[in-house]
N, C-alpha and C. Protein backbone atom coordinates (compact mmCIF):
# COMPACT_ATOMS: atom_id res chain seq x y z
N UNK A 1 104.25 88.41 102.38
CA UNK A 1 105.52 87.98 101.81
C UNK A 1 106.46 87.53 102.93
N UNK A 2 107.23 86.55 102.64
CA UNK A 2 108.17 86.00 103.60
C UNK A 2 109.55 86.65 103.40
N UNK A 3 109.79 87.73 104.14
CA UNK A 3 111.02 88.49 104.04
C UNK A 3 111.82 88.29 105.32
N UNK A 4 113.13 88.13 105.18
CA UNK A 4 114.01 87.98 106.33
C UNK A 4 114.76 89.29 106.55
N UNK A 5 114.74 89.78 107.78
CA UNK A 5 115.52 90.96 108.14
C UNK A 5 116.67 90.49 109.00
N UNK A 6 117.89 90.90 108.61
CA UNK A 6 119.08 90.46 109.32
C UNK A 6 120.16 91.53 109.24
N UNK A 7 121.13 91.41 110.12
CA UNK A 7 122.27 92.33 110.13
C UNK A 7 123.06 92.16 108.85
N UNK A 8 123.46 93.25 108.24
CA UNK A 8 124.26 93.18 107.03
C UNK A 8 125.71 92.89 107.39
N UNK A 9 126.38 92.11 106.53
CA UNK A 9 127.76 91.69 106.76
C UNK A 9 128.58 91.94 105.49
N UNK A 10 129.88 91.69 105.59
CA UNK A 10 130.80 91.96 104.48
C UNK A 10 130.34 91.32 103.18
N UNK A 11 129.82 90.11 103.24
CA UNK A 11 129.42 89.42 102.01
C UNK A 11 128.21 90.08 101.33
N UNK A 12 127.55 91.01 102.01
CA UNK A 12 126.42 91.75 101.43
C UNK A 12 126.87 93.00 100.68
N UNK A 13 128.15 93.28 100.71
CA UNK A 13 128.71 94.54 100.22
C UNK A 13 128.20 94.95 98.83
N UNK A 14 128.26 94.08 97.84
CA UNK A 14 127.89 94.42 96.47
C UNK A 14 126.41 94.81 96.37
N UNK A 15 125.55 93.99 96.94
CA UNK A 15 124.11 94.28 96.90
C UNK A 15 123.77 95.51 97.72
N UNK A 16 124.40 95.64 98.86
CA UNK A 16 124.17 96.78 99.75
C UNK A 16 124.59 98.07 99.04
N UNK A 17 125.73 98.05 98.39
CA UNK A 17 126.21 99.23 97.67
C UNK A 17 125.24 99.61 96.56
N UNK A 18 124.68 98.65 95.87
CA UNK A 18 123.71 98.95 94.81
C UNK A 18 122.48 99.64 95.38
N UNK A 19 122.00 99.18 96.53
CA UNK A 19 120.84 99.82 97.16
C UNK A 19 121.18 101.22 97.64
N UNK A 20 122.37 101.38 98.25
CA UNK A 20 122.81 102.70 98.72
C UNK A 20 122.91 103.67 97.54
N UNK A 21 123.41 103.19 96.41
CA UNK A 21 123.54 104.05 95.23
C UNK A 21 122.17 104.49 94.75
N UNK A 22 121.20 103.59 94.77
CA UNK A 22 119.85 103.96 94.36
C UNK A 22 119.28 105.03 95.29
N UNK A 23 119.42 104.86 96.59
CA UNK A 23 118.87 105.83 97.54
C UNK A 23 119.62 107.16 97.47
N UNK A 24 120.92 107.11 97.64
CA UNK A 24 121.68 108.34 97.83
C UNK A 24 122.03 109.07 96.54
N UNK A 25 122.24 108.37 95.45
CA UNK A 25 122.64 109.03 94.21
C UNK A 25 121.43 109.23 93.29
N UNK A 26 120.72 108.16 92.99
CA UNK A 26 119.63 108.25 92.03
C UNK A 26 118.42 108.99 92.59
N UNK A 27 118.09 108.75 93.87
CA UNK A 27 116.90 109.38 94.43
C UNK A 27 117.21 110.71 95.11
N UNK A 28 118.28 110.78 95.87
CA UNK A 28 118.59 112.01 96.61
C UNK A 28 119.49 112.96 95.84
N UNK A 29 120.15 112.46 94.79
CA UNK A 29 121.00 113.32 93.99
C UNK A 29 122.36 113.61 94.60
N UNK A 30 122.76 112.84 95.60
CA UNK A 30 124.07 113.02 96.22
C UNK A 30 125.17 112.51 95.30
N UNK A 31 126.39 112.87 95.60
CA UNK A 31 127.54 112.38 94.85
C UNK A 31 127.85 110.95 95.30
N UNK A 32 128.27 110.08 94.38
CA UNK A 32 128.55 108.69 94.74
C UNK A 32 129.88 108.49 95.48
N UNK A 33 130.56 109.57 95.78
CA UNK A 33 131.86 109.49 96.45
C UNK A 33 131.73 108.78 97.79
N UNK A 34 132.57 107.79 98.00
CA UNK A 34 132.74 107.10 99.28
C UNK A 34 131.57 106.24 99.72
N UNK A 35 130.60 105.98 98.87
CA UNK A 35 129.49 105.12 99.28
C UNK A 35 129.98 103.74 99.70
N UNK A 36 130.98 103.22 99.01
CA UNK A 36 131.51 101.91 99.37
C UNK A 36 132.42 102.00 100.60
N UNK A 37 133.20 103.08 100.73
CA UNK A 37 134.04 103.25 101.92
C UNK A 37 133.20 103.36 103.18
N UNK A 38 132.03 103.97 103.05
CA UNK A 38 131.14 104.10 104.21
C UNK A 38 130.67 102.73 104.71
N UNK A 39 130.51 101.79 103.80
CA UNK A 39 130.13 100.43 104.21
C UNK A 39 131.22 99.85 105.10
N UNK A 40 132.48 100.00 104.70
CA UNK A 40 133.58 99.51 105.52
C UNK A 40 133.55 100.14 106.91
N UNK A 41 133.31 101.46 106.95
CA UNK A 41 133.25 102.16 108.22
C UNK A 41 132.11 101.62 109.10
N UNK A 42 130.95 101.40 108.49
CA UNK A 42 129.81 100.89 109.26
C UNK A 42 130.09 99.50 109.81
N UNK A 43 130.71 98.67 108.99
CA UNK A 43 131.01 97.31 109.44
C UNK A 43 132.05 97.28 110.54
N UNK A 44 132.94 98.26 110.56
CA UNK A 44 134.05 98.27 111.52
C UNK A 44 133.73 99.00 112.82
N UNK A 45 132.66 99.78 112.85
CA UNK A 45 132.38 100.63 114.01
C UNK A 45 131.24 100.09 114.86
N UNK A 46 131.44 100.11 116.16
CA UNK A 46 130.41 99.67 117.10
C UNK A 46 129.23 100.64 117.14
N UNK A 47 129.45 101.88 116.75
CA UNK A 47 128.40 102.88 116.81
C UNK A 47 127.45 102.85 115.62
N UNK A 48 127.71 102.00 114.65
CA UNK A 48 126.87 101.86 113.46
C UNK A 48 126.21 100.49 113.44
N UNK A 49 125.05 100.43 112.82
CA UNK A 49 124.39 99.14 112.55
C UNK A 49 123.66 99.25 111.23
N UNK A 50 123.62 98.18 110.49
CA UNK A 50 122.87 98.14 109.24
C UNK A 50 122.17 96.79 109.15
N UNK A 51 120.92 96.85 108.76
CA UNK A 51 120.11 95.65 108.60
C UNK A 51 119.54 95.64 107.19
N UNK A 52 119.39 94.46 106.64
CA UNK A 52 118.85 94.32 105.30
C UNK A 52 117.61 93.45 105.30
N UNK A 53 116.74 93.71 104.34
CA UNK A 53 115.56 92.87 104.12
C UNK A 53 115.88 92.01 102.90
N UNK A 54 115.72 90.72 103.08
CA UNK A 54 116.07 89.75 102.05
C UNK A 54 114.82 89.03 101.57
N UNK A 55 114.61 89.05 100.26
CA UNK A 55 113.47 88.33 99.66
C UNK A 55 113.70 86.83 99.77
N UNK A 56 112.65 86.04 99.57
CA UNK A 56 112.80 84.58 99.64
C UNK A 56 113.88 84.02 98.72
N UNK A 57 114.16 84.69 97.60
CA UNK A 57 115.19 84.20 96.68
C UNK A 57 116.60 84.66 97.07
N UNK A 58 116.72 85.37 98.22
CA UNK A 58 118.02 85.82 98.69
C UNK A 58 118.42 87.21 98.24
N UNK A 59 117.60 87.86 97.42
CA UNK A 59 117.89 89.20 96.94
C UNK A 59 117.68 90.23 98.04
N UNK A 60 118.63 91.14 98.19
CA UNK A 60 118.50 92.23 99.15
C UNK A 60 117.55 93.27 98.56
N UNK A 61 116.45 93.55 99.26
CA UNK A 61 115.42 94.44 98.72
C UNK A 61 115.21 95.70 99.54
N UNK A 62 115.94 95.84 100.61
CA UNK A 62 115.81 97.03 101.44
C UNK A 62 116.85 97.03 102.52
N UNK A 63 117.04 98.21 103.13
CA UNK A 63 118.03 98.32 104.21
C UNK A 63 117.70 99.49 105.12
N UNK A 64 118.27 99.43 106.31
CA UNK A 64 118.26 100.55 107.24
C UNK A 64 119.68 100.68 107.79
N UNK A 65 120.15 101.92 107.89
CA UNK A 65 121.46 102.20 108.48
C UNK A 65 121.24 103.12 109.66
N UNK A 66 121.88 102.78 110.77
CA UNK A 66 121.72 103.56 112.00
C UNK A 66 123.07 103.93 112.57
N UNK A 67 123.13 105.10 113.19
CA UNK A 67 124.33 105.57 113.86
C UNK A 67 123.92 106.13 115.21
N UNK A 68 124.69 105.83 116.23
CA UNK A 68 124.41 106.40 117.55
C UNK A 68 124.97 107.82 117.61
N UNK A 69 124.06 108.78 117.59
CA UNK A 69 124.45 110.19 117.68
C UNK A 69 124.42 110.63 119.14
N UNK A 70 125.30 111.56 119.47
CA UNK A 70 125.30 112.11 120.82
C UNK A 70 124.10 113.03 121.05
N UNK A 71 123.57 113.57 119.98
CA UNK A 71 122.43 114.50 120.09
C UNK A 71 121.49 114.27 118.92
N UNK A 72 120.20 114.32 119.20
CA UNK A 72 119.19 114.27 118.14
C UNK A 72 118.07 115.23 118.53
N UNK A 73 117.70 116.09 117.61
CA UNK A 73 116.64 117.06 117.85
C UNK A 73 115.39 116.38 118.40
N UNK A 74 114.83 116.96 119.44
CA UNK A 74 113.59 116.45 120.01
C UNK A 74 113.76 115.30 120.98
N UNK A 75 114.97 114.80 121.16
CA UNK A 75 115.20 113.67 122.08
C UNK A 75 115.75 114.19 123.41
N UNK A 76 115.42 113.49 124.46
CA UNK A 76 115.87 113.92 125.79
C UNK A 76 116.98 113.03 126.34
N UNK A 77 117.37 112.01 125.59
CA UNK A 77 118.43 111.12 126.05
C UNK A 77 119.62 111.18 125.10
N UNK A 78 120.71 110.62 125.55
CA UNK A 78 121.92 110.56 124.72
C UNK A 78 122.74 109.37 125.18
N UNK A 79 123.32 108.64 124.22
CA UNK A 79 123.20 108.77 122.77
C UNK A 79 121.87 108.22 122.26
N UNK A 80 121.62 108.50 120.99
CA UNK A 80 120.35 108.12 120.36
C UNK A 80 120.63 107.38 119.05
N UNK A 81 120.09 106.19 118.86
CA UNK A 81 120.19 105.55 117.54
C UNK A 81 119.44 106.41 116.53
N UNK A 82 120.11 106.73 115.44
CA UNK A 82 119.57 107.65 114.45
C UNK A 82 119.48 106.94 113.10
N UNK A 83 118.31 107.00 112.48
CA UNK A 83 118.12 106.39 111.17
C UNK A 83 118.81 107.29 110.14
N UNK A 84 119.93 106.83 109.64
CA UNK A 84 120.69 107.60 108.65
C UNK A 84 120.21 107.29 107.23
N UNK A 85 119.66 106.10 107.04
CA UNK A 85 119.13 105.73 105.74
C UNK A 85 118.13 104.60 105.89
N UNK A 86 117.05 104.68 105.13
CA UNK A 86 116.02 103.64 105.12
C UNK A 86 115.47 103.60 103.70
N UNK A 87 115.52 102.42 103.09
CA UNK A 87 115.06 102.30 101.71
C UNK A 87 114.54 100.89 101.46
N UNK A 88 113.44 100.82 100.70
CA UNK A 88 112.87 99.54 100.27
C UNK A 88 112.61 99.66 98.76
N UNK A 89 112.97 98.62 98.03
CA UNK A 89 112.76 98.60 96.58
C UNK A 89 111.28 98.89 96.28
N UNK A 90 111.00 99.73 95.28
CA UNK A 90 109.61 100.09 94.98
C UNK A 90 108.67 98.91 94.78
N UNK A 91 109.13 97.82 94.21
CA UNK A 91 108.26 96.65 94.02
C UNK A 91 107.85 95.99 95.32
N UNK A 92 108.55 96.30 96.41
CA UNK A 92 108.30 95.66 97.69
C UNK A 92 107.70 96.62 98.72
N UNK A 93 107.41 97.84 98.34
CA UNK A 93 106.88 98.82 99.28
C UNK A 93 105.43 98.50 99.64
N UNK A 94 105.02 99.07 100.77
CA UNK A 94 103.66 98.93 101.30
C UNK A 94 103.33 97.48 101.66
N UNK A 95 104.36 96.75 102.09
CA UNK A 95 104.17 95.37 102.54
C UNK A 95 104.72 95.17 103.96
N UNK A 96 105.03 96.27 104.64
CA UNK A 96 105.50 96.17 106.02
C UNK A 96 107.00 95.97 106.16
N UNK A 97 107.75 96.06 105.08
CA UNK A 97 109.19 95.81 105.15
C UNK A 97 109.91 96.93 105.87
N UNK A 98 109.56 98.18 105.58
CA UNK A 98 110.18 99.30 106.30
C UNK A 98 109.91 99.17 107.80
N UNK A 99 108.72 98.75 108.15
CA UNK A 99 108.37 98.56 109.57
C UNK A 99 109.27 97.49 110.20
N UNK A 100 109.53 96.41 109.48
CA UNK A 100 110.41 95.35 110.00
C UNK A 100 111.84 95.86 110.15
N UNK A 101 112.29 96.67 109.19
CA UNK A 101 113.64 97.22 109.28
C UNK A 101 113.75 98.18 110.47
N UNK A 102 112.76 99.03 110.65
CA UNK A 102 112.78 99.96 111.78
C UNK A 102 112.71 99.17 113.09
N UNK A 103 111.92 98.12 113.13
CA UNK A 103 111.84 97.28 114.34
C UNK A 103 113.21 96.68 114.67
N UNK A 104 113.96 96.27 113.64
CA UNK A 104 115.31 95.75 113.88
C UNK A 104 116.21 96.84 114.45
N UNK A 105 116.07 98.06 113.92
CA UNK A 105 116.83 99.19 114.45
C UNK A 105 116.47 99.49 115.90
N UNK A 106 115.19 99.44 116.21
CA UNK A 106 114.75 99.67 117.59
C UNK A 106 115.32 98.62 118.52
N UNK A 107 115.29 97.37 118.08
CA UNK A 107 115.83 96.29 118.90
C UNK A 107 117.33 96.48 119.12
N UNK A 108 118.05 96.90 118.10
CA UNK A 108 119.48 97.19 118.25
C UNK A 108 119.67 98.28 119.30
N UNK A 109 118.87 99.33 119.23
CA UNK A 109 118.97 100.40 120.22
C UNK A 109 118.65 99.92 121.62
N UNK A 110 117.56 99.15 121.76
CA UNK A 110 117.20 98.62 123.09
C UNK A 110 118.31 97.74 123.65
N UNK A 111 118.94 96.95 122.78
CA UNK A 111 120.01 96.05 123.24
C UNK A 111 121.21 96.83 123.77
N UNK A 112 121.29 98.10 123.41
CA UNK A 112 122.37 98.97 123.85
C UNK A 112 121.91 99.89 124.98
N UNK A 113 120.70 99.64 125.50
CA UNK A 113 120.19 100.42 126.62
C UNK A 113 119.57 101.75 126.23
N UNK A 114 119.24 101.93 124.98
CA UNK A 114 118.67 103.21 124.51
C UNK A 114 117.15 103.18 124.61
N UNK A 115 116.58 104.36 124.80
CA UNK A 115 115.13 104.45 124.98
C UNK A 115 114.43 105.29 123.92
N UNK A 116 115.19 105.90 123.02
CA UNK A 116 114.61 106.70 121.94
C UNK A 116 115.36 106.37 120.65
N UNK A 117 114.70 106.61 119.53
CA UNK A 117 115.34 106.52 118.23
C UNK A 117 114.87 107.72 117.43
N UNK A 118 115.75 108.27 116.59
CA UNK A 118 115.40 109.47 115.84
C UNK A 118 115.69 109.29 114.36
N UNK A 119 115.18 110.22 113.57
CA UNK A 119 115.35 110.20 112.13
C UNK A 119 115.11 111.61 111.61
N UNK A 120 115.38 111.81 110.34
CA UNK A 120 115.03 113.08 109.71
C UNK A 120 114.61 112.83 108.27
N UNK A 121 113.94 113.81 107.71
CA UNK A 121 113.44 113.74 106.34
C UNK A 121 113.57 115.13 105.75
N UNK A 122 113.98 115.23 104.51
CA UNK A 122 114.01 116.54 103.86
C UNK A 122 112.57 117.04 103.68
N UNK A 123 112.39 118.35 103.85
CA UNK A 123 111.05 118.93 103.83
C UNK A 123 110.22 118.58 102.59
N UNK A 124 110.80 118.56 101.39
CA UNK A 124 109.95 118.23 100.23
C UNK A 124 109.57 116.75 100.12
N UNK A 125 110.18 115.88 100.90
CA UNK A 125 109.94 114.44 100.78
C UNK A 125 108.70 114.04 101.58
N UNK A 126 107.54 114.35 101.04
CA UNK A 126 106.28 114.10 101.74
C UNK A 126 105.99 112.62 101.90
N UNK A 127 106.44 111.81 100.96
CA UNK A 127 106.22 110.35 101.06
C UNK A 127 106.96 109.81 102.28
N UNK A 128 108.23 110.17 102.43
CA UNK A 128 109.00 109.69 103.58
C UNK A 128 108.42 110.22 104.89
N UNK A 129 107.92 111.44 104.88
CA UNK A 129 107.29 111.97 106.09
C UNK A 129 106.08 111.11 106.48
N UNK A 130 105.28 110.75 105.49
CA UNK A 130 104.11 109.91 105.76
C UNK A 130 104.53 108.52 106.26
N UNK A 131 105.57 107.97 105.67
CA UNK A 131 106.07 106.66 106.11
C UNK A 131 106.52 106.75 107.57
N UNK A 132 107.26 107.78 107.91
CA UNK A 132 107.72 107.94 109.30
C UNK A 132 106.53 108.00 110.27
N UNK A 133 105.51 108.77 109.92
CA UNK A 133 104.34 108.84 110.80
C UNK A 133 103.68 107.47 110.95
N UNK A 134 103.55 106.73 109.82
CA UNK A 134 102.94 105.39 109.90
C UNK A 134 103.77 104.44 110.74
N UNK A 135 105.09 104.68 110.80
CA UNK A 135 105.97 103.80 111.58
C UNK A 135 106.03 104.20 113.05
N UNK A 136 105.30 105.24 113.43
CA UNK A 136 105.24 105.62 114.83
C UNK A 136 106.12 106.79 115.23
N UNK A 137 106.86 107.35 114.28
CA UNK A 137 107.67 108.53 114.60
C UNK A 137 106.76 109.73 114.75
N UNK A 138 107.12 110.63 115.65
CA UNK A 138 106.39 111.89 115.77
C UNK A 138 107.31 113.03 115.38
N UNK A 139 106.76 113.98 114.66
CA UNK A 139 107.55 115.14 114.26
C UNK A 139 107.86 115.99 115.48
N UNK A 140 109.13 116.37 115.64
CA UNK A 140 109.51 117.17 116.80
C UNK A 140 109.81 118.62 116.46
N UNK A 141 110.28 118.88 115.25
CA UNK A 141 110.53 120.25 114.83
C UNK A 141 110.86 120.27 113.34
N UNK A 142 110.85 121.46 112.77
CA UNK A 142 111.28 121.66 111.39
C UNK A 142 112.54 122.49 111.44
N UNK A 143 113.46 122.21 110.55
CA UNK A 143 114.78 122.79 110.62
C UNK A 143 115.21 123.31 109.25
N UNK A 144 115.73 124.50 109.23
CA UNK A 144 116.34 125.04 108.02
C UNK A 144 117.81 125.20 108.34
N UNK A 145 118.66 124.62 107.49
CA UNK A 145 120.09 124.69 107.76
C UNK A 145 120.76 125.68 106.82
N UNK A 146 121.88 126.21 107.28
CA UNK A 146 122.62 127.21 106.51
C UNK A 146 124.09 126.84 106.46
N UNK A 147 124.80 127.44 105.49
CA UNK A 147 126.24 127.29 105.41
C UNK A 147 126.82 128.57 104.84
N UNK A 148 128.11 128.76 105.07
CA UNK A 148 128.82 129.87 104.49
C UNK A 148 130.20 129.36 104.10
N UNK A 149 130.67 129.79 102.96
CA UNK A 149 132.00 129.43 102.50
C UNK A 149 133.02 130.35 103.18
N UNK A 150 133.99 129.77 103.88
CA UNK A 150 134.95 130.58 104.62
C UNK A 150 136.36 130.48 104.05
N UNK A 151 136.45 130.05 102.78
CA UNK A 151 137.78 129.96 102.15
C UNK A 151 138.42 131.31 102.02
């Protein structure tokens, strides 16, 4: 398939928001609060990058969002481009699109002088874990997080 991967811009906002809603609300079960405000933040900040995969008809069919974190588990350098979100429409999966999006993220990191890139996956998401391995990521550790209400 002839897919174009490019940096997302303001004019992609509506399509990008629809994809973000599918990933974060419908699939992950997160609250839809601020999904659109986060796009503004990503577009305005030098520490963020977002790339989209565009079908031949111009439809946005996938995206990757990256943020330069000061620390990433298993990495020895800082800062590290971190994959905050990666999603490809189900009809377009298993065609190398996620690989192209990750490659764009890697190139963004290299252009900023970075030598590592990191990501995370929730433990029950075995499909995403397999995708990460196929894309060349190596598992560095497993993490259980905790919280306490201090009100």
